[in-house]
Amino acid sequence: MIQSLRIQTPEVKVWLADDSAGGEKLVPLYDWYKQLTLEGKKYGYFVNGSKSWLIVKSELLAEEAKKVFGEEVNVTTEGHSHLGAVIGSKDYKDLFWTLSSLLYSSC
C-alpha cells in the first residue's frame, strides 16, 4: 500500500506501522488523503477522519483547509500530539510538555 501511494503521490510522507503523516500544500495533501482512503480499503486499512488532524500555521490557512477538506478531518492552528511528540505552536508545545511532565511525575 505504501509503495502504491508513493508512486501515485511523490510528496514526502512518513509512516510508522499503520500511522502516517505528511506535509504539503493543501490540495496535494487532500489528494493524497483521498488516495490513502481508496488504496487503504484494498488492504483492510480504513482511514478514520475523526482521528485525523491537519495542523496549519494560520487562521487563514485553517479556513482554506476547511474549504478543501470539508468536515473530513480536524483542523487546528494550535497543534496536536503525534506518535508521542507534539507538532504545533510554541505555546501549544510548552503546554503539552508541561502537562506531560506533571502527568508522569505523579505516577
N, C-alpha and C. Protein backbone atom coordinates (compact mmCIF):
# COMPACT_ATOMS: atom_id res chain seq x y z
N MET A 1 0.83 -1.18 0.00
CA MET A 1 0.00 0.00 0.00
C MET A 1 0.88 1.25 0.00
N ILE A 2 1.90 1.27 0.84
CA ILE A 2 2.78 2.43 0.91
C ILE A 2 3.48 2.66 -0.43
N GLN A 3 3.96 1.58 -1.05
CA GLN A 3 4.63 1.71 -2.34
C GLN A 3 3.67 2.26 -3.39
N SER A 4 2.44 1.79 -3.39
CA SER A 4 1.45 2.27 -4.34
C SER A 4 1.20 3.76 -4.16
N LEU A 5 1.08 4.20 -2.92
CA LEU A 5 0.85 5.62 -2.66
C LEU A 5 2.08 6.46 -3.00
N ARG A 6 3.25 5.91 -2.81
CA ARG A 6 4.48 6.64 -3.13
C ARG A 6 4.57 6.91 -4.62
N ILE A 7 4.18 5.93 -5.42
CA ILE A 7 4.22 6.09 -6.88
C ILE A 7 3.19 7.13 -7.32
N GLN A 8 2.01 7.10 -6.71
CA GLN A 8 0.95 7.99 -7.14
C GLN A 8 1.07 9.40 -6.55
N THR A 9 1.71 9.53 -5.41
CA THR A 9 1.87 10.83 -4.77
C THR A 9 3.30 10.95 -4.25
N PRO A 10 4.20 11.53 -5.02
CA PRO A 10 5.61 11.53 -4.66
C PRO A 10 6.00 12.52 -3.56
N GLU A 11 5.08 13.29 -3.00
CA GLU A 11 5.43 14.22 -1.94
C GLU A 11 5.95 13.45 -0.73
N VAL A 12 6.64 14.13 0.15
CA VAL A 12 7.24 13.49 1.32
C VAL A 12 6.16 13.09 2.33
N LYS A 13 6.17 11.83 2.72
CA LYS A 13 5.26 11.30 3.73
C LYS A 13 6.07 10.43 4.69
N VAL A 14 5.58 10.25 5.89
CA VAL A 14 6.27 9.45 6.90
C VAL A 14 5.30 8.39 7.40
N TRP A 15 5.80 7.17 7.57
CA TRP A 15 4.97 6.06 8.04
C TRP A 15 5.61 5.39 9.25
N LEU A 16 4.79 4.95 10.19
CA LEU A 16 5.20 4.07 11.27
C LEU A 16 4.02 3.13 11.51
N ALA A 17 4.21 1.87 11.17
CA ALA A 17 3.14 0.86 11.27
C ALA A 17 1.92 1.37 10.50
N ASP A 18 0.80 1.55 11.18
CA ASP A 18 -0.42 1.99 10.48
C ASP A 18 -0.68 3.48 10.68
N ASP A 19 0.34 4.22 11.06
CA ASP A 19 0.21 5.66 11.28
C ASP A 19 1.02 6.39 10.22
N SER A 20 0.45 7.42 9.65
CA SER A 20 1.17 8.17 8.63
C SER A 20 1.03 9.66 8.86
N ALA A 21 1.94 10.41 8.29
CA ALA A 21 1.91 11.86 8.38
C ALA A 21 2.48 12.41 7.08
N GLY A 22 2.06 13.60 6.73
CA GLY A 22 2.56 14.21 5.52
C GLY A 22 2.53 15.72 5.62
N GLY A 23 3.39 16.34 4.87
CA GLY A 23 3.44 17.79 4.79
C GLY A 23 3.42 18.22 3.34
N GLU A 24 2.52 19.12 3.03
CA GLU A 24 2.38 19.52 1.62
C GLU A 24 1.39 20.67 1.56
N LYS A 25 1.27 21.28 0.41
CA LYS A 25 0.21 22.28 0.19
C LYS A 25 -1.13 21.56 0.30
N LEU A 26 -2.18 22.31 0.57
CA LEU A 26 -3.47 21.71 0.92
C LEU A 26 -4.08 20.81 -0.15
N VAL A 27 -4.12 21.24 -1.39
CA VAL A 27 -4.78 20.43 -2.43
C VAL A 27 -4.02 19.12 -2.67
N PRO A 28 -2.69 19.13 -2.84
CA PRO A 28 -1.99 17.85 -2.99
C PRO A 28 -2.12 16.96 -1.75
N LEU A 29 -2.16 17.57 -0.58
CA LEU A 29 -2.32 16.78 0.64
C LEU A 29 -3.71 16.15 0.68
N TYR A 30 -4.72 16.88 0.25
CA TYR A 30 -6.07 16.31 0.17
C TYR A 30 -6.12 15.17 -0.84
N ASP A 31 -5.47 15.35 -1.98
CA ASP A 31 -5.43 14.29 -2.99
C ASP A 31 -4.79 13.03 -2.40
N TRP A 32 -3.70 13.20 -1.66
CA TRP A 32 -3.02 12.07 -1.01
C TRP A 32 -3.96 11.40 0.01
N TYR A 33 -4.65 12.21 0.80
CA TYR A 33 -5.59 11.70 1.80
C TYR A 33 -6.69 10.86 1.13
N LYS A 34 -7.23 11.36 0.04
CA LYS A 34 -8.28 10.62 -0.68
C LYS A 34 -7.72 9.33 -1.28
N GLN A 35 -6.50 9.40 -1.84
CA GLN A 35 -5.88 8.21 -2.40
C GLN A 35 -5.60 7.18 -1.30
N LEU A 36 -5.14 7.65 -0.14
CA LEU A 36 -4.91 6.77 1.00
C LEU A 36 -6.21 6.08 1.41
N THR A 37 -7.29 6.81 1.40
CA THR A 37 -8.60 6.25 1.74
C THR A 37 -8.98 5.14 0.76
N LEU A 38 -8.78 5.39 -0.53
CA LEU A 38 -9.13 4.40 -1.55
C LEU A 38 -8.19 3.20 -1.54
N GLU A 39 -6.89 3.45 -1.51
CA GLU A 39 -5.90 2.36 -1.51
C GLU A 39 -5.99 1.54 -0.23
N GLY A 40 -6.21 2.21 0.87
CA GLY A 40 -6.26 1.53 2.16
C GLY A 40 -7.32 0.45 2.22
N LYS A 41 -8.46 0.70 1.64
CA LYS A 41 -9.56 -0.28 1.66
C LYS A 41 -9.14 -1.60 1.03
N LYS A 42 -8.28 -1.55 0.02
CA LYS A 42 -7.81 -2.77 -0.64
C LYS A 42 -7.02 -3.67 0.30
N TYR A 43 -6.45 -3.04 1.35
CA TYR A 43 -5.58 -3.76 2.28
C TYR A 43 -6.18 -3.88 3.68
N GLY A 44 -7.45 -3.51 3.82
CA GLY A 44 -8.09 -3.57 5.12
C GLY A 44 -7.71 -2.43 6.04
N TYR A 45 -7.18 -1.36 5.49
CA TYR A 45 -6.78 -0.17 6.25
C TYR A 45 -7.83 0.90 6.01
N PHE A 46 -8.52 1.30 7.07
CA PHE A 46 -9.61 2.25 6.92
C PHE A 46 -9.25 3.56 7.63
N VAL A 47 -9.13 4.61 6.86
CA VAL A 47 -8.78 5.93 7.40
C VAL A 47 -9.92 6.42 8.28
N ASN A 48 -9.58 6.88 9.48
CA ASN A 48 -10.57 7.41 10.40
C ASN A 48 -10.40 8.92 10.45
N GLY A 49 -11.22 9.61 9.69
CA GLY A 49 -11.13 11.06 9.61
C GLY A 49 -11.29 11.76 10.94
N SER A 50 -12.07 11.18 11.85
CA SER A 50 -12.27 11.83 13.15
C SER A 50 -11.01 11.78 14.00
N LYS A 51 -10.05 10.92 13.64
CA LYS A 51 -8.77 10.86 14.34
C LYS A 51 -7.65 11.53 13.54
N SER A 52 -8.01 12.08 12.39
CA SER A 52 -7.02 12.72 11.51
C SER A 52 -6.97 14.22 11.81
N TRP A 53 -5.75 14.73 11.93
CA TRP A 53 -5.54 16.13 12.27
C TRP A 53 -4.71 16.83 11.21
N LEU A 54 -5.16 17.99 10.82
CA LEU A 54 -4.45 18.85 9.89
C LEU A 54 -4.00 20.07 10.69
N ILE A 55 -2.68 20.23 10.82
CA ILE A 55 -2.13 21.34 11.60
C ILE A 55 -1.63 22.39 10.62
N VAL A 56 -2.21 23.59 10.69
CA VAL A 56 -1.84 24.68 9.79
C VAL A 56 -1.32 25.86 10.60
N LYS A 57 -0.65 26.79 9.94
CA LYS A 57 0.05 27.86 10.65
C LYS A 57 -0.78 29.11 10.92
N SER A 58 -1.94 29.26 10.29
CA SER A 58 -2.71 30.49 10.48
C SER A 58 -4.20 30.22 10.36
N GLU A 59 -4.98 31.17 10.84
CA GLU A 59 -6.43 31.06 10.72
C GLU A 59 -6.86 31.12 9.25
N LEU A 60 -6.14 31.89 8.46
CA LEU A 60 -6.44 31.97 7.03
C LEU A 60 -6.28 30.60 6.38
N LEU A 61 -5.18 29.90 6.70
CA LEU A 61 -4.97 28.55 6.17
C LEU A 61 -6.00 27.57 6.73
N ALA A 62 -6.42 27.78 7.97
CA ALA A 62 -7.44 26.90 8.55
C ALA A 62 -8.74 27.02 7.78
N GLU A 63 -9.11 28.22 7.42
CA GLU A 63 -10.33 28.42 6.63
C GLU A 63 -10.20 27.79 5.25
N GLU A 64 -9.03 27.96 4.63
CA GLU A 64 -8.79 27.35 3.33
C GLU A 64 -8.83 25.82 3.44
N ALA A 65 -8.23 25.29 4.51
CA ALA A 65 -8.23 23.83 4.73
C ALA A 65 -9.65 23.30 4.87
N LYS A 66 -10.49 24.04 5.57
CA LYS A 66 -11.88 23.60 5.76
C LYS A 66 -12.63 23.60 4.43
N LYS A 67 -12.26 24.52 3.54
CA LYS A 67 -12.88 24.53 2.20
C LYS A 67 -12.43 23.31 1.39
N VAL A 68 -11.15 22.95 1.52
CA VAL A 68 -10.60 21.82 0.75
C VAL A 68 -11.05 20.49 1.33
N PHE A 69 -10.91 20.31 2.64
CA PHE A 69 -11.18 19.03 3.29
C PHE A 69 -12.62 18.89 3.78
N GLY A 70 -13.35 19.99 3.87
CA GLY A 70 -14.70 19.93 4.42
C GLY A 70 -14.63 19.48 5.88
N GLU A 71 -15.50 18.57 6.24
CA GLU A 71 -15.55 18.06 7.61
C GLU A 71 -14.85 16.71 7.74
N GLU A 72 -14.04 16.33 6.75
CA GLU A 72 -13.42 15.00 6.74
C GLU A 72 -12.35 14.82 7.80
N VAL A 73 -11.66 15.90 8.18
CA VAL A 73 -10.59 15.82 9.17
C VAL A 73 -10.74 16.99 10.15
N ASN A 74 -10.01 16.90 11.25
CA ASN A 74 -9.94 18.00 12.21
C ASN A 74 -8.88 18.98 11.74
N VAL A 75 -9.13 20.27 11.90
CA VAL A 75 -8.18 21.30 11.50
C VAL A 75 -7.86 22.15 12.73
N THR A 76 -6.57 22.41 12.96
CA THR A 76 -6.16 23.24 14.09
C THR A 76 -5.00 24.14 13.71
N THR A 77 -4.93 25.29 14.37
CA THR A 77 -3.77 26.17 14.23
C THR A 77 -2.88 26.07 15.47
N GLU A 78 -3.37 25.42 16.51
CA GLU A 78 -2.63 25.31 17.76
C GLU A 78 -1.58 24.21 17.70
N GLY A 79 -2.02 22.97 17.48
CA GLY A 79 -1.11 21.84 17.43
C GLY A 79 -1.82 20.57 17.86
N HIS A 80 -1.07 19.47 17.81
CA HIS A 80 -1.63 18.18 18.21
C HIS A 80 -0.49 17.21 18.43
N SER A 81 -0.72 16.21 19.27
CA SER A 81 0.32 15.21 19.50
C SER A 81 0.36 14.22 18.34
N HIS A 82 1.55 13.68 18.10
CA HIS A 82 1.73 12.70 17.03
C HIS A 82 2.83 11.74 17.44
N LEU A 83 2.50 10.47 17.60
CA LEU A 83 3.46 9.43 17.95
C LEU A 83 4.31 9.80 19.18
N GLY A 84 3.66 10.33 20.20
CA GLY A 84 4.35 10.65 21.44
C GLY A 84 5.05 11.99 21.46
N ALA A 85 5.04 12.69 20.36
CA ALA A 85 5.64 14.02 20.29
C ALA A 85 4.52 15.03 20.04
N VAL A 86 4.88 16.25 19.79
CA VAL A 86 3.87 17.27 19.53
C VAL A 86 4.32 18.15 18.37
N ILE A 87 3.36 18.54 17.55
CA ILE A 87 3.62 19.42 16.41
C ILE A 87 2.71 20.63 16.59
N GLY A 88 3.23 21.83 16.45
CA GLY A 88 2.38 23.00 16.53
C GLY A 88 3.10 24.23 17.03
N SER A 89 2.32 25.16 17.55
CA SER A 89 2.86 26.43 18.02
C SER A 89 3.72 26.22 19.26
N LYS A 90 4.60 27.19 19.53
CA LYS A 90 5.45 27.11 20.71
C LYS A 90 4.61 27.04 21.98
N ASP A 91 3.56 27.85 22.06
CA ASP A 91 2.69 27.82 23.25
C ASP A 91 2.05 26.45 23.44
N TYR A 92 1.60 25.83 22.35
CA TYR A 92 0.97 24.51 22.45
C TYR A 92 1.99 23.47 22.89
N LYS A 93 3.19 23.53 22.31
CA LYS A 93 4.24 22.58 22.70
C LYS A 93 4.62 22.74 24.16
N ASP A 94 4.76 23.97 24.61
CA ASP A 94 5.10 24.22 26.02
C ASP A 94 4.02 23.66 26.94
N LEU A 95 2.76 23.90 26.62
CA LEU A 95 1.66 23.38 27.43
C LEU A 95 1.65 21.86 27.41
N PHE A 96 1.84 21.26 26.25
CA PHE A 96 1.85 19.81 26.12
C PHE A 96 2.91 19.20 27.02
N TRP A 97 4.14 19.74 26.95
CA TRP A 97 5.23 19.16 27.73
C TRP A 97 5.08 19.44 29.22
N THR A 98 4.50 20.57 29.59
CA THR A 98 4.24 20.85 31.00
C THR A 98 3.24 19.85 31.55
N LEU A 99 2.15 19.64 30.83
CA LEU A 99 1.13 18.68 31.28
C LEU A 99 1.67 17.25 31.29
N SER A 100 2.48 16.91 30.28
CA SER A 100 3.07 15.57 30.24
C SER A 100 4.00 15.35 31.43
N SER A 101 4.80 16.38 31.77
CA SER A 101 5.71 16.27 32.90
C SER A 101 4.94 16.08 34.20
N LEU A 102 3.86 16.84 34.37
CA LEU A 102 3.04 16.71 35.57
C LEU A 102 2.41 15.31 35.65
N LEU A 103 1.93 14.83 34.54
CA LEU A 103 1.31 13.51 34.50
C LEU A 103 2.30 12.42 34.88
N TYR A 104 3.47 12.45 34.28
CA TYR A 104 4.46 11.40 34.53
C TYR A 104 5.09 11.52 35.92
N SER A 105 5.21 12.73 36.43
CA SER A 105 5.81 12.88 37.77
C SER A 105 4.85 12.45 38.87
N SER A 106 3.56 12.38 38.56
CA SER A 106 2.58 11.95 39.56
C SER A 106 2.40 10.43 39.60
N CYS A 107 3.06 9.73 38.68
CA CYS A 107 2.92 8.25 38.63
C CYS A 107 3.76 7.57 39.69
